[in-house]
Amino acid sequence: MTSATASSHHDWESDLEHYRSRAVHVLDTHLPAATGCTECGDPWPCARACTAELVLEL
């Protein structure tokens, strides 16, 4: 008997490229300003920018 994980094919490279592309977009829009993030208004660095940086490190 094979497990579902072993028998299914998944394109991990495609998923990683999607995450990388999304991270670049987030870093292009969530930028520092005197009052916080230009996109979401949270204190800089915002959680979205930090998460995008982490994704790009993968």
N, C-alpha and C. Protein backbone atom coordinates (compact mmCIF):
# COMPACT_ATOMS: atom_id res chain seq x y z
N MET A 1 0.85 -1.18 0.00
CA MET A 1 0.00 0.00 0.00
C MET A 1 0.89 1.24 0.00
N THR A 2 0.62 2.19 -0.90
CA THR A 2 1.41 3.41 -0.95
C THR A 2 0.63 4.55 -0.33
N SER A 3 1.36 5.47 0.23
CA SER A 3 0.69 6.62 0.84
C SER A 3 0.29 7.62 -0.24
N ALA A 4 -0.64 8.48 0.09
CA ALA A 4 -1.08 9.50 -0.86
C ALA A 4 0.06 10.44 -1.21
N THR A 5 0.92 10.71 -0.25
CA THR A 5 2.06 11.60 -0.49
C THR A 5 3.04 10.98 -1.48
N ALA A 6 3.31 9.71 -1.31
CA ALA A 6 4.26 9.03 -2.18
C ALA A 6 3.73 8.86 -3.59
N SER A 7 2.45 8.66 -3.75
CA SER A 7 1.89 8.39 -5.07
C SER A 7 1.51 9.66 -5.84
N SER A 8 1.34 10.77 -5.19
CA SER A 8 0.96 11.99 -5.89
C SER A 8 2.20 12.77 -6.31
N HIS A 9 2.12 13.39 -7.47
CA HIS A 9 3.23 14.20 -7.98
C HIS A 9 2.89 15.66 -7.73
N HIS A 10 3.86 16.38 -7.19
CA HIS A 10 3.64 17.79 -6.91
C HIS A 10 4.81 18.59 -7.45
N ASP A 11 4.53 19.69 -8.09
CA ASP A 11 5.57 20.54 -8.67
C ASP A 11 6.00 21.60 -7.65
N TRP A 12 6.92 21.23 -6.78
CA TRP A 12 7.38 22.14 -5.73
C TRP A 12 8.08 23.36 -6.30
N GLU A 13 8.81 23.20 -7.39
CA GLU A 13 9.50 24.35 -7.99
C GLU A 13 8.51 25.41 -8.43
N SER A 14 7.40 24.98 -8.98
CA SER A 14 6.36 25.92 -9.40
C SER A 14 5.78 26.66 -8.19
N ASP A 15 5.54 25.94 -7.12
CA ASP A 15 5.03 26.57 -5.90
C ASP A 15 6.03 27.58 -5.35
N LEU A 16 7.30 27.19 -5.28
CA LEU A 16 8.32 28.11 -4.76
C LEU A 16 8.44 29.35 -5.62
N GLU A 17 8.37 29.18 -6.94
CA GLU A 17 8.45 30.34 -7.82
C GLU A 17 7.26 31.27 -7.60
N HIS A 18 6.08 30.71 -7.37
CA HIS A 18 4.90 31.53 -7.08
C HIS A 18 5.11 32.32 -5.79
N TYR A 19 5.62 31.66 -4.74
CA TYR A 19 5.87 32.35 -3.47
C TYR A 19 6.93 33.44 -3.62
N ARG A 20 7.97 33.14 -4.39
CA ARG A 20 9.03 34.14 -4.61
C ARG A 20 8.48 35.35 -5.35
N SER A 21 7.68 35.10 -6.37
CA SER A 21 7.09 36.19 -7.15
C SER A 21 6.19 37.06 -6.28
N ARG A 22 5.39 36.42 -5.46
CA ARG A 22 4.50 37.15 -4.55
C ARG A 22 5.30 37.96 -3.54
N ALA A 23 6.40 37.39 -3.04
CA ALA A 23 7.24 38.09 -2.07
C ALA A 23 7.86 39.34 -2.69
N VAL A 24 8.31 39.23 -3.93
CA VAL A 24 8.87 40.40 -4.61
C VAL A 24 7.81 41.48 -4.76
N HIS A 25 6.60 41.09 -5.11
CA HIS A 25 5.51 42.06 -5.23
C HIS A 25 5.24 42.76 -3.89
N VAL A 26 5.22 41.99 -2.81
CA VAL A 26 4.99 42.57 -1.49
C VAL A 26 6.09 43.58 -1.16
N LEU A 27 7.34 43.22 -1.43
CA LEU A 27 8.45 44.12 -1.12
C LEU A 27 8.47 45.35 -2.03
N ASP A 28 7.86 45.25 -3.20
CA ASP A 28 7.74 46.41 -4.08
C ASP A 28 6.66 47.38 -3.62
N THR A 29 5.69 46.89 -2.86
CA THR A 29 4.57 47.74 -2.44
C THR A 29 4.62 48.14 -0.97
N HIS A 30 5.19 47.32 -0.13
CA HIS A 30 5.28 47.62 1.30
C HIS A 30 6.65 48.25 1.56
N LEU A 31 6.66 49.58 1.60
CA LEU A 31 7.90 50.34 1.69
C LEU A 31 7.91 51.21 2.95
N PRO A 32 9.11 51.53 3.44
CA PRO A 32 9.18 52.36 4.65
C PRO A 32 8.84 53.82 4.36
N ALA A 33 8.19 54.45 5.32
CA ALA A 33 7.89 55.88 5.27
C ALA A 33 8.01 56.41 6.69
N ALA A 34 7.97 57.70 6.84
CA ALA A 34 8.11 58.33 8.16
C ALA A 34 7.01 57.88 9.12
N THR A 35 5.85 57.54 8.59
CA THR A 35 4.72 57.16 9.44
C THR A 35 4.51 55.65 9.51
N GLY A 36 5.38 54.85 8.90
CA GLY A 36 5.23 53.39 8.88
C GLY A 36 5.26 52.88 7.46
N CYS A 37 4.66 51.75 7.24
CA CYS A 37 4.62 51.15 5.92
C CYS A 37 3.70 51.95 4.99
N THR A 38 4.17 52.18 3.77
CA THR A 38 3.38 52.95 2.81
C THR A 38 2.11 52.23 2.37
N GLU A 39 2.11 50.91 2.42
CA GLU A 39 0.96 50.13 1.93
C GLU A 39 -0.06 49.85 3.02
N CYS A 40 0.40 49.34 4.17
CA CYS A 40 -0.56 48.92 5.20
C CYS A 40 -0.60 49.86 6.41
N GLY A 41 0.38 50.74 6.54
CA GLY A 41 0.38 51.70 7.63
C GLY A 41 0.92 51.17 8.95
N ASP A 42 1.27 49.89 8.99
CA ASP A 42 1.84 49.31 10.22
C ASP A 42 3.24 49.88 10.45
N PRO A 43 3.71 49.81 11.69
CA PRO A 43 5.08 50.25 11.96
C PRO A 43 6.08 49.48 11.10
N TRP A 44 7.12 50.19 10.65
CA TRP A 44 8.13 49.57 9.78
C TRP A 44 9.20 48.89 10.60
N PRO A 45 9.66 47.71 10.23
CA PRO A 45 9.22 46.91 9.10
C PRO A 45 7.93 46.17 9.43
N CYS A 46 6.99 46.21 8.53
CA CYS A 46 5.70 45.56 8.76
C CYS A 46 5.85 44.04 8.67
N ALA A 47 4.88 43.33 9.19
CA ALA A 47 4.92 41.87 9.19
C ALA A 47 4.95 41.30 7.77
N ARG A 48 4.25 41.95 6.85
CA ARG A 48 4.22 41.45 5.47
C ARG A 48 5.59 41.54 4.82
N ALA A 49 6.29 42.67 5.04
CA ALA A 49 7.63 42.83 4.47
C ALA A 49 8.60 41.84 5.11
N CYS A 50 8.49 41.64 6.40
CA CYS A 50 9.37 40.67 7.08
C CYS A 50 9.13 39.26 6.57
N THR A 51 7.87 38.90 6.37
CA THR A 51 7.55 37.57 5.87
C THR A 51 8.05 37.40 4.44
N ALA A 52 7.91 38.43 3.63
CA ALA A 52 8.39 38.37 2.25
C ALA A 52 9.91 38.19 2.22
N GLU A 53 10.62 38.87 3.08
CA GLU A 53 12.08 38.70 3.18
C GLU A 53 12.42 37.25 3.52
N LEU A 54 11.69 36.68 4.45
CA LEU A 54 11.92 35.30 4.85
C LEU A 54 11.69 34.33 3.69
N VAL A 55 10.62 34.55 2.94
CA VAL A 55 10.32 33.69 1.79
C VAL A 55 11.45 33.76 0.77
N LEU A 56 12.01 34.94 0.53
CA LEU A 56 13.08 35.06 -0.43
C LEU A 56 14.37 34.39 0.03
N GLU A 57 14.49 34.16 1.32
CA GLU A 57 15.67 33.45 1.83
C GLU A 57 15.60 31.96 1.56
N LEU A 58 14.42 31.44 1.25
CA LEU A 58 14.27 29.99 1.01
C LEU A 58 15.00 29.55 -0.25
